[in-house]
PDB file of N, CA and C in Angstrom:
ATOM      1  N   MET A   1      -4.447   6.245 -13.527  1.00  0.00           N
ATOM      2  CA  MET A   1      -5.514   5.421 -14.049  1.00  0.00           C
ATOM      3  C   MET A   1      -5.243   5.082 -15.506  1.00  0.00           C
ATOM      4  N   GLY A   2      -4.698   6.037 -16.228  1.00  0.00           N
ATOM      5  CA  GLY A   2      -4.364   5.787 -17.624  1.00  0.00           C
ATOM      6  C   GLY A   2      -3.306   4.717 -17.771  1.00  0.00           C
ATOM      7  N   ALA A   3      -2.302   4.743 -16.898  1.00  0.00           N
ATOM      8  CA  ALA A   3      -1.241   3.731 -16.956  1.00  0.00           C
ATOM      9  C   ALA A   3      -1.803   2.343 -16.677  1.00  0.00           C
ATOM     10  N   ALA A   4      -2.683   2.233 -15.687  1.00  0.00           N
ATOM     11  CA  ALA A   4      -3.290   0.942 -15.372  1.00  0.00           C
ATOM     12  C   ALA A   4      -4.073   0.418 -16.571  1.00  0.00           C
ATOM     13  N   LYS A   5      -4.802   1.304 -17.211  1.00  0.00           N
ATOM     14  CA  LYS A   5      -5.580   0.895 -18.391  1.00  0.00           C
ATOM     15  C   LYS A   5      -4.649   0.430 -19.505  1.00  0.00           C
ATOM     16  N   THR A   6      -3.574   1.172 -19.736  1.00  0.00           N
ATOM     17  CA  THR A   6      -2.611   0.806 -20.775  1.00  0.00           C
ATOM     18  C   THR A   6      -1.999  -0.564 -20.498  1.00  0.00           C
ATOM     19  N   LEU A   7      -1.712  -0.840 -19.227  1.00  0.00           N
ATOM     20  CA  LEU A   7      -1.104  -2.109 -18.844  1.00  0.00           C
ATOM     21  C   LEU A   7      -2.109  -3.245 -18.683  1.00  0.00           C
ATOM     22  N   GLY A   8      -3.392  -2.936 -18.758  1.00  0.00           N
ATOM     23  CA  GLY A   8      -4.415  -3.959 -18.584  1.00  0.00           C
ATOM     24  C   GLY A   8      -4.578  -4.392 -17.142  1.00  0.00           C
ATOM     25  N   VAL A   9      -4.281  -3.494 -16.219  1.00  0.00           N
ATOM     26  CA  VAL A   9      -4.360  -3.790 -14.790  1.00  0.00           C
ATOM     27  C   VAL A   9      -5.709  -3.331 -14.254  1.00  0.00           C
ATOM     28  N   GLU A  10      -6.376  -4.210 -13.510  1.00  0.00           N
ATOM     29  CA  GLU A  10      -7.618  -3.812 -12.861  1.00  0.00           C
ATOM     30  C   GLU A  10      -7.267  -2.887 -11.705  1.00  0.00           C
ATOM     31  N   LEU A  11      -8.014  -1.822 -11.541  1.00  0.00           N
ATOM     32  CA  LEU A  11      -7.694  -0.790 -10.578  1.00  0.00           C
ATOM     33  C   LEU A  11      -8.891  -0.520  -9.677  1.00  0.00           C
ATOM     34  N   THR A  12      -8.624  -0.362  -8.407  1.00  0.00           N
ATOM     35  CA  THR A  12      -9.634   0.085  -7.459  1.00  0.00           C
ATOM     36  C   THR A  12      -9.182   1.431  -6.929  1.00  0.00           C
ATOM     37  N   VAL A  13     -10.066   2.400  -6.934  1.00  0.00           N
ATOM     38  CA  VAL A  13      -9.754   3.736  -6.451  1.00  0.00           C
ATOM     39  C   VAL A  13     -10.371   3.904  -5.071  1.00  0.00           C
ATOM     40  N   ALA A  14      -9.538   4.316  -4.123  1.00  0.00           N
ATOM     41  CA  ALA A  14     -10.010   4.570  -2.761  1.00  0.00           C
ATOM     42  C   ALA A  14     -10.182   6.064  -2.557  1.00  0.00           C
ATOM     43  N   SER A  15     -11.180   6.416  -1.774  1.00  0.00           N
ATOM     44  CA  SER A  15     -11.467   7.811  -1.481  1.00  0.00           C
ATOM     45  C   SER A  15     -11.983   7.919  -0.055  1.00  0.00           C
ATOM     46  N   GLU A  16     -11.840   9.094   0.515  1.00  0.00           N
ATOM     47  CA  GLU A  16     -12.403   9.344   1.848  1.00  0.00           C
ATOM     48  C   GLU A  16     -13.903   9.596   1.781  1.00  0.00           C
ATOM     49  N   VAL A  17     -14.351  10.032   0.631  1.00  0.00           N
ATOM     50  CA  VAL A  17     -15.755  10.390   0.438  1.00  0.00           C
ATOM     51  C   VAL A  17     -16.430   9.306  -0.397  1.00  0.00           C
ATOM     52  N   PRO A  18     -17.531   8.737   0.081  1.00  0.00           N
ATOM     53  CA  PRO A  18     -18.215   7.700  -0.691  1.00  0.00           C
ATOM     54  C   PRO A  18     -18.636   8.213  -2.081  1.00  0.00           C
ATOM     55  N   SER A  19     -18.487   7.365  -3.076  1.00  0.00           N
ATOM     56  CA  SER A  19     -18.888   7.699  -4.430  1.00  0.00           C
ATOM     57  C   SER A  19     -20.308   7.211  -4.680  1.00  0.00           C
ATOM     58  N   ALA A  20     -21.037   7.970  -5.451  1.00  0.00           N
ATOM     59  CA  ALA A  20     -22.390   7.562  -5.836  1.00  0.00           C
ATOM     60  C   ALA A  20     -22.353   6.299  -6.698  1.00  0.00           C
ATOM     61  N   PHE A  21     -21.195   6.010  -7.295  1.00  0.00           N
ATOM     62  CA  PHE A  21     -21.051   4.849  -8.174  1.00  0.00           C
ATOM     63  C   PHE A  21     -20.516   3.616  -7.460  1.00  0.00           C
ATOM     64  N   GLU A  22     -20.205   3.736  -6.172  1.00  0.00           N
ATOM     65  CA  GLU A  22     -19.585   2.623  -5.445  1.00  0.00           C
ATOM     66  C   GLU A  22     -20.456   1.364  -5.455  1.00  0.00           C
ATOM     67  N   GLU A  23     -21.743   1.534  -5.343  1.00  0.00           N
ATOM     68  CA  GLU A  23     -22.646   0.373  -5.350  1.00  0.00           C
ATOM     69  C   GLU A  23     -22.683  -0.292  -6.727  1.00  0.00           C
ATOM     70  N   ALA A  24     -22.592   0.502  -7.779  1.00  0.00           N
ATOM     71  CA  ALA A  24     -22.630  -0.038  -9.139  1.00  0.00           C
ATOM     72  C   ALA A  24     -21.289  -0.641  -9.551  1.00  0.00           C
ATOM     73  N   GLU A  25     -20.200  -0.204  -8.937  1.00  0.00           N
ATOM     74  CA  GLU A  25     -18.855  -0.659  -9.289  1.00  0.00           C
ATOM     75  C   GLU A  25     -18.089  -1.022  -8.010  1.00  0.00           C
ATOM     76  N   PRO A  26     -18.561  -2.040  -7.268  1.00  0.00           N
ATOM     77  CA  PRO A  26     -17.984  -2.329  -5.955  1.00  0.00           C
ATOM     78  C   PRO A  26     -16.530  -2.770  -5.972  1.00  0.00           C
ATOM     79  N   ALA A  27     -16.055  -3.343  -7.055  1.00  0.00           N
ATOM     80  CA  ALA A  27     -14.648  -3.751  -7.117  1.00  0.00           C
ATOM     81  C   ALA A  27     -13.749  -2.595  -7.532  1.00  0.00           C
ATOM     82  N   GLY A  28     -14.319  -1.530  -8.050  1.00  0.00           N
ATOM     83  CA  GLY A  28     -13.533  -0.427  -8.572  1.00  0.00           C
ATOM     84  C   GLY A  28     -13.445   0.795  -7.681  1.00  0.00           C
ATOM     85  N   LEU A  29     -14.309   0.849  -6.668  1.00  0.00           N
ATOM     86  CA  LEU A  29     -14.336   2.018  -5.782  1.00  0.00           C
ATOM     87  C   LEU A  29     -14.500   1.554  -4.344  1.00  0.00           C
ATOM     88  N   VAL A  30     -13.737   2.165  -3.442  1.00  0.00           N
ATOM     89  CA  VAL A  30     -13.855   1.821  -2.030  1.00  0.00           C
ATOM     90  C   VAL A  30     -13.634   3.082  -1.202  1.00  0.00           C
ATOM     91  N   THR A  31     -14.371   3.214  -0.116  1.00  0.00           N
ATOM     92  CA  THR A  31     -14.241   4.349   0.794  1.00  0.00           C
ATOM     93  C   THR A  31     -13.408   3.926   1.991  1.00  0.00           C
ATOM     94  N   LEU A  32     -12.385   4.722   2.318  1.00  0.00           N
ATOM     95  CA  LEU A  32     -11.487   4.423   3.431  1.00  0.00           C
ATOM     96  C   LEU A  32     -11.347   5.631   4.344  1.00  0.00           C
ATOM     97  N   ASP A  33     -10.973   5.380   5.581  1.00  0.00           N
ATOM     98  CA  ASP A  33     -10.691   6.437   6.543  1.00  0.00           C
ATOM     99  C   ASP A  33      -9.208   6.791   6.449  1.00  0.00           C
ATOM    100  N   PHE A  34      -8.856   7.769   5.632  1.00  0.00           N
ATOM    101  CA  PHE A  34      -7.459   8.145   5.447  1.00  0.00           C
ATOM    102  C   PHE A  34      -6.855   8.782   6.696  1.00  0.00           C
ATOM    103  N   ALA A  35      -7.693   9.267   7.605  1.00  0.00           N
ATOM    104  CA  ALA A  35      -7.183   9.886   8.830  1.00  0.00           C
ATOM    105  C   ALA A  35      -6.669   8.844   9.821  1.00  0.00           C
ATOM    106  N   ASP A  36      -7.041   7.591   9.631  1.00  0.00           N
ATOM    107  CA  ASP A  36      -6.637   6.509  10.538  1.00  0.00           C
ATOM    108  C   ASP A  36      -6.117   5.350   9.685  1.00  0.00           C
ATOM    109  N   ALA A  37      -4.801   5.310   9.505  1.00  0.00           N
ATOM    110  CA  ALA A  37      -4.190   4.325   8.607  1.00  0.00           C
ATOM    111  C   ALA A  37      -4.495   2.896   9.017  1.00  0.00           C
ATOM    112  N   GLU A  38      -4.490   2.618  10.304  1.00  0.00           N
ATOM    113  CA  GLU A  38      -4.775   1.249  10.758  1.00  0.00           C
ATOM    114  C   GLU A  38      -6.220   0.857  10.461  1.00  0.00           C
ATOM    115  N   ARG A  39      -7.136   1.783  10.659  1.00  0.00           N
ATOM    116  CA  ARG A  39      -8.548   1.499  10.340  1.00  0.00           C
ATOM    117  C   ARG A  39      -8.707   1.296   8.834  1.00  0.00           C
ATOM    118  N   ALA A  40      -8.058   2.140   8.043  1.00  0.00           N
ATOM    119  CA  ALA A  40      -8.120   1.991   6.587  1.00  0.00           C
ATOM    120  C   ALA A  40      -7.581   0.632   6.169  1.00  0.00           C
ATOM    121  N   ALA A  41      -6.504   0.190   6.813  1.00  0.00           N
ATOM    122  CA  ALA A  41      -5.933  -1.129   6.499  1.00  0.00           C
ATOM    123  C   ALA A  41      -6.935  -2.241   6.812  1.00  0.00           C
ATOM    124  N   ARG A  42      -7.644  -2.108   7.918  1.00  0.00           N
ATOM    125  CA  ARG A  42      -8.682  -3.111   8.243  1.00  0.00           C
ATOM    126  C   ARG A  42      -9.811  -3.070   7.214  1.00  0.00           C
ATOM    127  N   GLN A  43     -10.181  -1.868   6.790  1.00  0.00           N
ATOM    128  CA  GLN A  43     -11.228  -1.739   5.774  1.00  0.00           C
ATOM    129  C   GLN A  43     -10.802  -2.422   4.472  1.00  0.00           C
ATOM    130  N   VAL A  44      -9.539  -2.257   4.090  1.00  0.00           N
ATOM    131  CA  VAL A  44      -9.054  -2.892   2.870  1.00  0.00           C
ATOM    132  C   VAL A  44      -8.977  -4.404   3.039  1.00  0.00           C
ATOM    133  N   ARG A  45      -8.611  -4.874   4.220  1.00  0.00           N
ATOM    134  CA  ARG A  45      -8.589  -6.323   4.459  1.00  0.00           C
ATOM    135  C   ARG A  45      -9.988  -6.901   4.246  1.00  0.00           C
ATOM    136  N   GLU A  46     -11.029  -6.226   4.717  1.00  0.00           N
ATOM    137  CA  GLU A  46     -12.410  -6.676   4.500  1.00  0.00           C
ATOM    138  C   GLU A  46     -12.754  -6.619   3.006  1.00  0.00           C
ATOM    139  N   PHE A  47     -12.343  -5.557   2.342  1.00  0.00           N
ATOM    140  CA  PHE A  47     -12.577  -5.407   0.902  1.00  0.00           C
ATOM    141  C   PHE A  47     -11.882  -6.538   0.142  1.00  0.00           C
ATOM    142  N   ALA A  48     -10.630  -6.828   0.532  1.00  0.00           N
ATOM    143  CA  ALA A  48      -9.825  -7.839  -0.158  1.00  0.00           C
ATOM    144  C   ALA A  48     -10.377  -9.252   0.011  1.00  0.00           C
ATOM    145  N   ALA A  49     -11.208  -9.459   1.003  1.00  0.00           N
ATOM    146  CA  ALA A  49     -11.843 -10.768   1.166  1.00  0.00           C
ATOM    147  C   ALA A  49     -12.809 -11.036   0.006  1.00  0.00           C
ATOM    148  N   ARG A  50     -13.336  -9.974  -0.584  1.00  0.00           N
ATOM    149  CA  ARG A  50     -14.263 -10.098  -1.723  1.00  0.00           C
ATOM    150  C   ARG A  50     -13.578  -9.842  -3.065  1.00  0.00           C
ATOM    151  N   TYR A  51     -12.640  -8.892  -3.048  1.00  0.00           N
ATOM    152  CA  TYR A  51     -11.975  -8.469  -4.278  1.00  0.00           C
ATOM    153  C   TYR A  51     -10.460  -8.493  -4.023  1.00  0.00           C
ATOM    154  N   PRO A  52      -9.751  -9.470  -4.580  1.00  0.00           N
ATOM    155  CA  PRO A  52      -8.312  -9.602  -4.302  1.00  0.00           C
ATOM    156  C   PRO A  52      -7.533  -8.322  -4.596  1.00  0.00           C
ATOM    157  N   VAL A  53      -6.573  -8.047  -3.740  1.00  0.00           N
ATOM    158  CA  VAL A  53      -5.699  -6.879  -3.874  1.00  0.00           C
ATOM    159  C   VAL A  53      -4.271  -7.392  -4.018  1.00  0.00           C
ATOM    160  N   ASP A  54      -3.611  -7.031  -5.108  1.00  0.00           N
ATOM    161  CA  ASP A  54      -2.246  -7.486  -5.369  1.00  0.00           C
ATOM    162  C   ASP A  54      -1.199  -6.407  -5.132  1.00  0.00           C
ATOM    163  N   GLY A  55      -1.633  -5.171  -5.008  1.00  0.00           N
ATOM    164  CA  GLY A  55      -0.701  -4.071  -4.796  1.00  0.00           C
ATOM    165  C   GLY A  55      -1.454  -2.835  -4.348  1.00  0.00           C
ATOM    166  N   VAL A  56      -0.694  -1.876  -3.839  1.00  0.00           N
ATOM    167  CA  VAL A  56      -1.303  -0.636  -3.358  1.00  0.00           C
ATOM    168  C   VAL A  56      -0.313   0.506  -3.567  1.00  0.00           C
ATOM    169  N   THR A  57      -0.831   1.651  -3.970  1.00  0.00           N
ATOM    170  CA  THR A  57      -0.003   2.826  -4.199  1.00  0.00           C
ATOM    171  C   THR A  57      -0.697   4.051  -3.639  1.00  0.00           C
ATOM    172  N   GLY A  58       0.018   4.819  -2.834  1.00  0.00           N
ATOM    173  CA  GLY A  58      -0.487   6.105  -2.362  1.00  0.00           C
ATOM    174  C   GLY A  58      -0.133   7.179  -3.374  1.00  0.00           C
ATOM    175  N   VAL A  59      -0.930   8.232  -3.416  1.00  0.00           N
ATOM    176  CA  VAL A  59      -0.693   9.280  -4.412  1.00  0.00           C
ATOM    177  C   VAL A  59      -0.321  10.630  -3.806  1.00  0.00           C
ATOM    178  N   ASP A  60      -0.310  10.722  -2.472  1.00  0.00           N
ATOM    179  CA  ASP A  60       0.084  11.965  -1.819  1.00  0.00           C
ATOM    180  C   ASP A  60       0.590  11.648  -0.418  1.00  0.00           C
ATOM    181  N   ASP A  61       0.959  12.668   0.340  1.00  0.00           N
ATOM    182  CA  ASP A  61       1.561  12.461   1.657  1.00  0.00           C
ATOM    183  C   ASP A  61       0.678  11.632   2.590  1.00  0.00           C
ATOM    184  N   ASP A  62      -0.617  11.888   2.585  1.00  0.00           N
ATOM    185  CA  ASP A  62      -1.520  11.154   3.483  1.00  0.00           C
ATOM    186  C   ASP A  62      -1.726   9.713   3.038  1.00  0.00           C
ATOM    187  N   THR A  63      -1.899   9.521   1.748  1.00  0.00           N
ATOM    188  CA  THR A  63      -2.251   8.175   1.288  1.00  0.00           C
ATOM    189  C   THR A  63      -1.058   7.234   1.215  1.00  0.00           C
ATOM    190  N   VAL A  64       0.180   7.751   1.187  1.00  0.00           N
ATOM    191  CA  VAL A  64       1.311   6.824   1.228  1.00  0.00           C
ATOM    192  C   VAL A  64       1.413   6.161   2.596  1.00  0.00           C
ATOM    193  N   VAL A  65       1.007   6.861   3.646  1.00  0.00           N
ATOM    194  CA  VAL A  65       0.992   6.271   4.984  1.00  0.00           C
ATOM    195  C   VAL A  65      -0.070   5.175   5.038  1.00  0.00           C
ATOM    196  N   VAL A  66      -1.232   5.443   4.486  1.00  0.00           N
ATOM    197  CA  VAL A  66      -2.302   4.446   4.423  1.00  0.00           C
ATOM    198  C   VAL A  66      -1.853   3.261   3.567  1.00  0.00           C
ATOM    199  N   ALA A  67      -1.235   3.532   2.424  1.00  0.00           N
ATOM    200  CA  ALA A  67      -0.772   2.458   1.538  1.00  0.00           C
ATOM    201  C   ALA A  67       0.232   1.555   2.249  1.00  0.00           C
ATOM    202  N   ALA A  68       1.127   2.127   3.029  1.00  0.00           N
ATOM    203  CA  ALA A  68       2.105   1.322   3.773  1.00  0.00           C
ATOM    204  C   ALA A  68       1.402   0.435   4.796  1.00  0.00           C
ATOM    205  N   ALA A  69       0.401   0.964   5.490  1.00  0.00           N
ATOM    206  CA  ALA A  69      -0.344   0.168   6.472  1.00  0.00           C
ATOM    207  C   ALA A  69      -1.128  -0.947   5.788  1.00  0.00           C
ATOM    208  N   VAL A  70      -1.712  -0.641   4.646  1.00  0.00           N
ATOM    209  CA  VAL A  70      -2.453  -1.649   3.884  1.00  0.00           C
ATOM    210  C   VAL A  70      -1.508  -2.754   3.418  1.00  0.00           C
ATOM    211  N   ALA A  71      -0.365  -2.368   2.859  1.00  0.00           N
ATOM    212  CA  ALA A  71       0.602  -3.349   2.368  1.00  0.00           C
ATOM    213  C   ALA A  71       1.055  -4.270   3.501  1.00  0.00           C
ATOM    214  N   GLU A  72       1.294  -3.692   4.663  1.00  0.00           N
ATOM    215  CA  GLU A  72       1.713  -4.513   5.804  1.00  0.00           C
ATOM    216  C   GLU A  72       0.601  -5.468   6.236  1.00  0.00           C
ATOM    217  N   THR A  73      -0.611  -4.969   6.332  1.00  0.00           N
ATOM    218  CA  THR A  73      -1.755  -5.787   6.742  1.00  0.00           C
ATOM    219  C   THR A  73      -2.005  -6.942   5.776  1.00  0.00           C
ATOM    220  N   LEU A  74      -1.879  -6.668   4.467  1.00  0.00           N
ATOM    221  CA  LEU A  74      -2.139  -7.681   3.446  1.00  0.00           C
ATOM    222  C   LEU A  74      -0.876  -8.461   3.085  1.00  0.00           C
ATOM    223  N   ARG A  75       0.230  -8.118   3.743  1.00  0.00           N
ATOM    224  CA  ARG A  75       1.528  -8.765   3.479  1.00  0.00           C
ATOM    225  C   ARG A  75       1.940  -8.655   2.021  1.00  0.00           C
ATOM    226  N   LEU A  76       1.758  -7.442   1.497  1.00  0.00           N
ATOM    227  CA  LEU A  76       2.188  -7.135   0.135  1.00  0.00           C
ATOM    228  C   LEU A  76       3.601  -6.572   0.191  1.00  0.00           C
ATOM    229  N   ARG A  77       4.340  -6.754  -0.878  1.00  0.00           N
ATOM    230  CA  ARG A  77       5.679  -6.181  -0.952  1.00  0.00           C
ATOM    231  C   ARG A  77       5.567  -4.667  -1.001  1.00  0.00           C
ATOM    232  N   GLY A  78       6.434  -4.003  -0.278  1.00  0.00           N
ATOM    233  CA  GLY A  78       6.419  -2.550  -0.282  1.00  0.00           C
ATOM    234  C   GLY A  78       7.405  -1.986   0.704  1.00  0.00           C
ATOM    235  N   ASP A  79       7.485  -0.676   0.736  1.00  0.00           N
ATOM    236  CA  ASP A  79       8.400   0.028   1.626  1.00  0.00           C
ATOM    237  C   ASP A  79       7.599   0.681   2.754  1.00  0.00           C
ATOM    238  N   PRO A  80       7.772   0.176   3.989  1.00  0.00           N
ATOM    239  CA  PRO A  80       6.988   0.738   5.082  1.00  0.00           C
ATOM    240  C   PRO A  80       7.384   2.166   5.377  1.00  0.00           C
TER     241      PRO A  80
END
C-alpha cells in the first residue's frame, strides 16, 4: 500500500471478510470469495464495471491464484 501511495497509484484492497468501511470507500475496498477463484473473478468483473481495474496482484499463495483468474477474466497482462 505504501508503494502504491508513493507511485500515486489508486489501489483497491480485496478481502474475504467484508470491511465496515466498504460502503464509505466502495472503490477502495471489495469483498471476494478467495476459496473460488472463478467466482472471485466474476465478482471483480462486476466491480470493474463501476471502478476500472488496470492490474491485479496477489499477496500470498491463495490470492495469486485468484489474481491470475481475475487477470484472465479482465484480459489484463499477467502470468497465469
